[in-house]
Amino acid sequence: MINVALLSRWHVHADDYANQARQNENVSIKVIWDENTERGERWAKELGVPFTSHLETVLGDSEIDAVIVDAPTNLHKEIILSAAKYKKHIFTEKVLAFTVKDCEEIYEAVKENDLQLMVSLPRLTEDYYLYAQEIVDQGLLGKLTTIRCRLAHNGAVPLDGKATGWLPDHFFNKEECGGGALIDLGAHPIYLTNRLAGPATAVTARLQNTEGHEVDDNAVAIVEYESGALGILETGFVSGGSPFQFELYGTEGTLLIEDNQTRLKSKKLSENWIVPDSLPEPHPSPFNQWVRAILDSELTTISETDAIGLTLINEASKISHEQGRRVTITEIMNKIQQTH
């Protein structure tokens, strides 16, 4: 049995991970900590477990094997490094940290202490992504030239007198979040496109603020990849009825995924659009993969490369927007080397 501590209910997905923990027969929630005492006490009462206001007390408890981190993103590095010091396995909401340098520091600590760290990148386990990966691997699109991925909702559109819409107010706190739509919802287009296109070489981004908040609520990033492919990544909190769109274009064909509709056109198969009879079986969720890795040392399908690559595109996008220019990945990596 893996005894876990829930560290903060700040993120909107905190309840989801608590539910996954409760549904997993190998996991037991033992204690809750939250930087907001009132919120933490309320959550502990709902779940019927103790609340502790001191993080060190939780991490220093030898009965706690692992932690689920849903704290503000600006606290991730501090909390995760502390958890690693106390030899606790770590499951965390994306993004892992604001900079590649901080991510690398976290992974060093995790490896030193022989721990399992999982960053929740759930769309890498979904059937449509696995189908896209199969199609690319089989060469049915030829040379991959463009990936367009869009994921947006209306969470920041004012609703019933609430200026921030249905999203919590703190999702617009620049200090806590490090950004807005791109760093949060845009994470999914980023890590999906990274996985299929490979290592990135440069980023040009525009992080728009349409509703007057501290952070972006509408964003686009153009990512150049070593493979020669272009990634066009779109996200936002101000789009009503926007479908999830995942489009792959290559020299020999096109794969279009829109919500639950998938169709393929490949010169190697047919001149007509093909709708697959079935999609691959989804992989286990990031949470369940993490549990199996702790118990049985099973390899996970979500990797350090995925997590760091996500932060890399976000870091480059922020610089690109603030300085109004194209940012190369080389300059970010050189800056890291200079600080070592």
Protein backbone atom coordinates (compact mmCIF):
# COMPACT_ATOMS: atom_id res chain seq x y z
CA MET A 1 0.00 0.00 0.00
CA ILE A 2 1.24 3.49 -0.92
CA ASN A 3 0.41 6.07 1.74
CA VAL A 4 0.05 9.50 0.13
CA ALA A 5 -0.26 13.09 1.28
CA LEU A 6 -2.27 15.56 -0.78
CA LEU A 7 -0.32 18.80 -1.05
CA SER A 8 -2.76 21.64 -1.81
CA ARG A 9 -6.13 21.95 -3.53
CA TRP A 10 -5.02 25.03 -5.48
CA HIS A 11 -5.23 23.48 -8.94
CA VAL A 12 -8.61 22.72 -10.52
CA HIS A 13 -7.53 19.09 -11.05
CA ALA A 14 -6.71 18.43 -7.39
CA ASP A 15 -10.06 16.75 -6.78
CA ASP A 16 -9.55 14.55 -9.86
CA TYR A 17 -6.27 13.18 -8.49
CA ALA A 18 -7.76 12.71 -5.04
CA ASN A 19 -10.54 10.66 -6.65
CA GLN A 20 -8.02 8.60 -8.63
CA ALA A 21 -6.12 7.93 -5.42
CA ARG A 22 -9.28 6.83 -3.63
CA GLN A 23 -10.23 4.53 -6.51
CA ASN A 24 -6.83 2.85 -6.63
CA GLU A 25 -6.69 -0.17 -4.32
CA ASN A 26 -2.94 0.33 -3.85
CA VAL A 27 -3.21 3.90 -2.57
CA SER A 28 -4.37 5.36 0.74
CA ILE A 29 -4.75 9.10 1.42
CA LYS A 30 -3.37 9.76 4.90
CA VAL A 31 -3.09 13.53 5.33
CA ILE A 32 -3.67 16.88 3.63
CA TRP A 33 -1.53 20.00 3.61
CA ASP A 34 -2.49 23.26 1.93
CA GLU A 35 -0.83 26.67 1.85
CA ASN A 36 -4.37 27.98 2.40
CA THR A 37 -5.31 26.61 5.82
CA GLU A 38 -9.05 27.20 5.48
CA ARG A 39 -9.20 25.45 2.11
CA GLY A 40 -7.08 22.56 3.37
CA GLU A 41 -9.15 22.03 6.51
CA ARG A 42 -12.34 22.02 4.45
CA TRP A 43 -10.88 19.44 2.05
CA ALA A 44 -9.64 17.24 4.89
CA LYS A 45 -13.12 17.28 6.42
CA GLU A 46 -14.65 16.26 3.08
CA LEU A 47 -12.22 13.35 2.70
CA GLY A 48 -12.24 12.35 6.36
CA VAL A 49 -8.48 12.60 6.85
CA PRO A 50 -6.31 14.84 9.08
CA PHE A 51 -5.08 18.28 8.03
CA THR A 52 -1.59 19.50 8.89
CA SER A 53 -0.55 23.13 8.42
CA HIS A 54 3.20 22.41 8.50
CA LEU A 55 4.63 20.92 5.31
CA GLU A 56 7.80 19.69 7.04
CA THR A 57 5.67 17.67 9.45
CA VAL A 58 3.98 15.91 6.54
CA LEU A 59 7.20 15.26 4.64
CA GLY A 60 9.03 14.15 7.76
CA ASP A 61 6.42 11.47 8.54
CA SER A 62 8.01 8.09 7.83
CA GLU A 63 4.58 6.56 7.14
CA ILE A 64 4.07 8.81 4.10
CA ASP A 65 5.46 7.19 0.96
CA ALA A 66 4.43 9.69 -1.69
CA VAL A 67 2.89 13.10 -2.35
CA ILE A 68 0.42 14.51 -4.88
CA VAL A 69 1.34 18.13 -5.62
CA ASP A 70 -1.41 20.52 -6.75
CA ALA A 71 0.06 23.65 -5.20
CA PRO A 72 0.58 26.96 -7.04
CA THR A 73 3.13 26.44 -9.80
CA ASN A 74 5.55 28.95 -8.25
CA LEU A 75 5.78 26.63 -5.20
CA HIS A 76 6.46 23.46 -7.22
CA LYS A 77 10.24 23.61 -7.10
CA GLU A 78 10.45 24.25 -3.36
CA ILE A 79 7.84 21.64 -2.45
CA ILE A 80 9.12 18.94 -4.82
CA LEU A 81 12.76 19.39 -3.78
CA SER A 82 11.69 19.11 -0.13
CA ALA A 83 9.68 15.98 -0.89
CA ALA A 84 12.68 14.46 -2.68
CA LYS A 85 14.92 15.27 0.29
CA TYR A 86 12.54 13.28 2.49
CA LYS A 87 12.50 10.47 -0.11
CA LYS A 88 8.84 10.77 -1.10
CA HIS A 89 7.65 9.73 -4.57
CA ILE A 90 6.03 12.64 -6.40
CA PHE A 91 3.01 13.06 -8.64
CA THR A 92 2.46 16.62 -9.84
CA GLU A 93 0.22 18.68 -12.04
CA LYS A 94 1.83 20.32 -15.07
CA VAL A 95 3.94 22.35 -15.51
CA LEU A 96 6.78 20.93 -13.46
CA ALA A 97 8.54 24.31 -13.08
CA PHE A 98 8.92 27.65 -14.86
CA THR A 99 12.41 27.09 -16.27
CA VAL A 100 14.38 24.22 -17.77
CA LYS A 101 17.11 24.88 -15.20
CA ASP A 102 14.65 24.34 -12.34
CA CYS A 103 13.29 21.17 -13.99
CA GLU A 104 16.80 19.76 -14.32
CA GLU A 105 17.48 20.51 -10.66
CA ILE A 106 14.30 18.67 -9.68
CA TYR A 107 15.15 15.61 -11.76
CA GLU A 108 18.67 15.51 -10.29
CA ALA A 109 17.19 15.37 -6.78
CA VAL A 110 14.68 12.71 -7.79
CA LYS A 111 17.38 10.50 -9.32
CA GLU A 112 19.74 10.96 -6.36
CA ASN A 113 17.03 9.64 -4.06
CA ASP A 114 15.83 6.88 -6.42
CA LEU A 115 12.27 8.22 -6.59
CA GLN A 116 9.41 8.06 -9.07
CA LEU A 117 8.32 11.47 -10.38
CA MET A 118 5.28 11.71 -12.65
CA VAL A 119 4.12 14.94 -14.29
CA SER A 120 0.49 14.62 -15.38
CA LEU A 121 0.44 14.86 -19.19
CA PRO A 122 -2.71 12.79 -19.73
CA ARG A 123 -3.29 13.27 -23.44
CA LEU A 124 -0.16 11.23 -24.19
CA THR A 125 -2.15 8.21 -22.97
CA GLU A 126 -5.27 8.83 -25.12
CA ASP A 127 -6.35 6.66 -28.05
CA TYR A 128 -6.28 9.48 -30.64
CA TYR A 129 -2.68 10.42 -29.78
CA LEU A 130 -1.60 6.76 -29.93
CA TYR A 131 -3.29 6.47 -33.34
CA ALA A 132 -1.49 9.60 -34.57
CA GLN A 133 1.81 8.18 -33.37
CA GLU A 134 1.15 4.92 -35.22
CA ILE A 135 0.33 6.75 -38.44
CA VAL A 136 3.50 8.84 -38.21
CA ASP A 137 5.66 5.82 -37.32
CA GLN A 138 4.25 3.88 -40.28
CA GLY A 139 5.24 6.72 -42.62
CA LEU A 140 1.68 7.11 -43.92
CA LEU A 141 1.99 10.90 -43.92
CA GLY A 142 5.41 10.89 -45.56
CA LYS A 143 7.67 13.61 -44.20
CA LEU A 144 5.83 15.44 -41.41
CA THR A 145 5.66 19.13 -42.34
CA THR A 146 3.10 20.78 -40.04
CA ILE A 147 1.23 19.98 -36.84
CA ARG A 148 -1.60 22.26 -35.77
CA CYS A 149 -3.09 21.65 -32.34
CA ARG A 150 -5.80 23.78 -30.77
CA LEU A 151 -7.30 23.46 -27.30
CA ALA A 152 -9.34 26.36 -25.95
CA HIS A 153 -12.37 27.06 -23.79
CA ASN A 154 -14.36 30.00 -22.43
CA GLY A 155 -13.15 29.84 -18.82
CA ALA A 156 -12.17 33.53 -18.70
CA VAL A 157 -15.31 34.90 -20.34
CA PRO A 158 -17.18 36.89 -17.65
CA LEU A 159 -20.06 34.82 -16.32
CA ASP A 160 -22.90 35.77 -13.96
CA GLY A 161 -21.06 38.83 -12.71
CA LYS A 162 -17.78 36.92 -12.14
CA ALA A 163 -15.01 38.74 -14.03
CA THR A 164 -12.86 35.62 -14.42
CA GLY A 165 -15.63 33.36 -15.72
CA TRP A 166 -15.81 29.82 -14.37
CA LEU A 167 -12.06 29.54 -13.76
CA PRO A 168 -10.88 30.27 -10.21
CA ASP A 169 -9.59 33.82 -9.65
CA HIS A 170 -6.11 32.58 -8.76
CA PHE A 171 -5.64 31.16 -12.28
CA PHE A 172 -5.04 34.80 -13.28
CA ASN A 173 -2.39 35.43 -10.62
CA LYS A 174 0.83 35.92 -12.57
CA GLU A 175 3.10 35.24 -9.58
CA GLU A 176 1.45 31.92 -8.72
CA CYS A 177 0.78 30.67 -12.27
CA GLY A 178 3.71 32.14 -14.17
CA GLY A 179 1.34 32.78 -17.06
CA GLY A 180 -2.17 32.13 -18.22
CA ALA A 181 -3.74 30.15 -21.04
CA LEU A 182 -0.52 28.96 -22.69
CA ILE A 183 1.21 27.62 -19.57
CA ASP A 184 -1.96 25.89 -18.38
CA LEU A 185 -4.33 24.76 -21.13
CA GLY A 186 -1.72 25.22 -23.84
CA ALA A 187 0.41 22.58 -22.15
CA HIS A 188 -1.55 19.87 -23.94
CA PRO A 189 -0.91 21.10 -27.51
CA ILE A 190 2.73 21.70 -26.56
CA TYR A 191 3.54 18.23 -25.24
CA LEU A 192 1.49 16.43 -27.91
CA THR A 193 3.23 18.28 -30.74
CA ASN A 194 6.66 17.94 -29.13
CA ARG A 195 6.23 14.17 -28.91
CA LEU A 196 5.38 13.78 -32.59
CA ALA A 197 7.71 16.41 -34.08
CA GLY A 198 10.81 15.80 -31.94
CA PRO A 199 13.35 18.30 -30.56
CA ALA A 200 12.52 21.98 -31.04
CA THR A 201 14.92 24.58 -32.43
CA ALA A 202 13.06 27.90 -32.11
CA VAL A 203 9.83 29.50 -30.88
CA THR A 204 7.85 32.60 -31.84
CA ALA A 205 4.85 33.33 -29.63
CA ARG A 206 2.14 35.87 -28.97
CA LEU A 207 0.43 35.82 -25.57
CA GLN A 208 -2.66 38.01 -25.89
CA ASN A 209 -4.58 39.58 -23.02
CA THR A 210 -8.14 40.38 -24.10
CA GLU A 211 -9.99 40.57 -20.75
CA GLY A 212 -7.56 42.80 -18.83
CA HIS A 213 -6.08 40.20 -16.46
CA GLU A 214 -2.45 39.86 -15.35
CA VAL A 215 -1.89 36.89 -17.66
CA ASP A 216 -2.61 35.81 -21.23
CA ASP A 217 -6.04 34.46 -22.05
CA ASN A 218 -5.48 33.84 -25.79
CA ALA A 219 -2.19 32.57 -27.19
CA VAL A 220 -0.42 31.17 -30.24
CA ALA A 221 3.08 29.68 -30.47
CA ILE A 222 4.87 28.71 -33.66
CA VAL A 223 7.51 26.09 -32.94
CA GLU A 224 10.27 25.09 -35.35
CA TYR A 225 11.59 21.54 -35.01
CA GLU A 226 14.86 19.85 -35.99
CA SER A 227 12.81 17.51 -38.18
CA GLY A 228 11.82 20.47 -40.35
CA ALA A 229 8.23 20.38 -39.13
CA LEU A 230 6.37 23.45 -37.92
CA GLY A 231 4.11 23.33 -34.88
CA ILE A 232 1.21 25.79 -34.71
CA LEU A 233 -0.09 25.70 -31.14
CA GLU A 234 -3.28 27.55 -30.24
CA THR A 235 -4.99 27.94 -26.89
CA GLY A 236 -7.17 30.32 -24.94
CA PHE A 237 -9.66 30.94 -22.16
CA VAL A 238 -11.94 33.13 -24.30
CA SER A 239 -13.31 30.76 -26.97
CA GLY A 240 -16.91 29.61 -26.81
CA GLY A 241 -17.61 26.19 -28.33
CA SER A 242 -14.08 25.68 -29.65
CA PRO A 243 -13.44 22.00 -30.49
CA PHE A 244 -10.19 20.21 -29.76
CA GLN A 245 -8.33 20.04 -33.07
CA PHE A 246 -5.21 18.00 -33.79
CA GLU A 247 -4.07 18.15 -37.41
CA LEU A 248 -1.01 16.46 -38.91
CA TYR A 249 0.14 17.34 -42.41
CA GLY A 250 2.87 15.57 -44.38
CA THR A 251 4.19 15.18 -47.90
CA GLU A 252 2.14 12.01 -48.42
CA GLY A 253 -1.01 12.61 -46.42
CA THR A 254 -3.09 14.30 -43.74
CA LEU A 255 -4.55 13.18 -40.41
CA LEU A 256 -7.40 15.26 -38.96
CA ILE A 257 -8.70 14.76 -35.42
CA GLU A 258 -11.52 16.96 -34.16
CA ASP A 259 -13.00 16.01 -30.82
CA ASN A 260 -14.11 12.38 -31.39
CA GLN A 261 -13.89 12.43 -35.19
CA THR A 262 -10.77 11.05 -36.87
CA ARG A 263 -10.02 10.78 -40.58
CA LEU A 264 -6.92 9.98 -42.61
CA LYS A 265 -5.91 10.59 -46.20
CA SER A 266 -2.67 8.95 -47.38
CA LYS A 267 -1.32 8.47 -50.89
CA LYS A 268 0.02 5.14 -49.67
CA LEU A 269 -3.49 3.88 -48.90
CA SER A 270 -6.20 5.61 -50.90
CA GLU A 271 -7.14 8.87 -52.59
CA ASN A 272 -10.21 8.99 -50.35
CA TRP A 273 -10.60 9.89 -46.70
CA ILE A 274 -10.41 6.87 -44.39
CA VAL A 275 -12.21 6.73 -41.05
CA PRO A 276 -10.52 4.13 -38.80
CA ASP A 277 -12.73 1.30 -37.53
CA SER A 278 -11.12 1.55 -34.12
CA LEU A 279 -8.35 3.39 -32.28
CA PRO A 280 -5.60 1.85 -30.12
CA GLU A 281 -6.34 0.91 -26.54
CA PRO A 282 -5.50 3.91 -24.29
CA HIS A 283 -2.53 3.59 -21.97
CA PRO A 284 -3.13 3.60 -18.20
CA SER A 285 -3.59 7.09 -16.76
CA PRO A 286 -0.48 9.01 -15.62
CA PHE A 287 -1.56 8.43 -12.01
CA ASN A 288 -1.93 4.67 -12.40
CA GLN A 289 1.37 4.47 -14.29
CA TRP A 290 3.01 6.29 -11.38
CA VAL A 291 1.58 3.80 -8.89
CA ARG A 292 2.83 0.82 -10.93
CA ALA A 293 6.26 2.43 -11.22
CA ILE A 294 6.47 2.77 -7.43
CA LEU A 295 5.27 -0.75 -6.72
CA ASP A 296 6.84 -2.71 -9.57
CA SER A 297 9.40 -0.33 -11.14
CA GLU A 298 7.39 -0.44 -14.36
CA LEU A 299 8.58 1.99 -17.02
CA THR A 300 6.17 4.86 -17.64
CA THR A 301 5.17 6.12 -21.09
CA ILE A 302 5.51 9.75 -19.93
CA SER A 303 9.14 10.79 -19.56
CA GLU A 304 11.53 13.41 -18.29
CA THR A 305 11.95 14.53 -21.91
CA ASP A 306 8.21 15.20 -22.15
CA ALA A 307 8.13 17.24 -18.93
CA ILE A 308 11.23 19.31 -19.66
CA GLY A 309 10.20 19.83 -23.28
CA LEU A 310 6.92 21.32 -22.08
CA THR A 311 8.69 23.83 -19.84
CA LEU A 312 11.18 24.61 -22.59
CA ILE A 313 8.48 25.75 -25.04
CA ASN A 314 6.77 27.79 -22.32
CA GLU A 315 10.02 29.44 -21.28
CA ALA A 316 10.90 30.30 -24.89
CA SER A 317 7.35 31.54 -25.57
CA LYS A 318 7.48 33.92 -22.61
CA ILE A 319 10.78 35.41 -23.80
CA SER A 320 9.51 35.62 -27.39
CA HIS A 321 6.40 37.54 -26.37
CA GLU A 322 8.13 39.88 -23.94
CA GLN A 323 10.97 40.71 -26.34
CA GLY A 324 8.94 40.57 -29.55
CA ARG A 325 11.25 38.15 -31.36
CA ARG A 326 12.02 34.60 -32.42
CA VAL A 327 13.83 32.72 -29.64
CA THR A 328 16.20 29.85 -30.37
CA ILE A 329 16.43 26.85 -28.08
CA THR A 330 20.23 27.10 -28.26
CA GLU A 331 20.24 30.44 -26.45
CA ILE A 332 18.17 29.04 -23.59
CA MET A 333 20.41 26.00 -23.23
CA ASN A 334 23.56 28.16 -23.40
CA LYS A 335 22.21 30.34 -20.61
CA ILE A 336 21.72 27.25 -18.44
CA GLN A 337 25.29 26.09 -19.09
CA GLN A 338 26.64 29.52 -18.15
CA THR A 339 24.96 29.33 -14.73
CA HIS A 340 26.37 25.88 -13.93
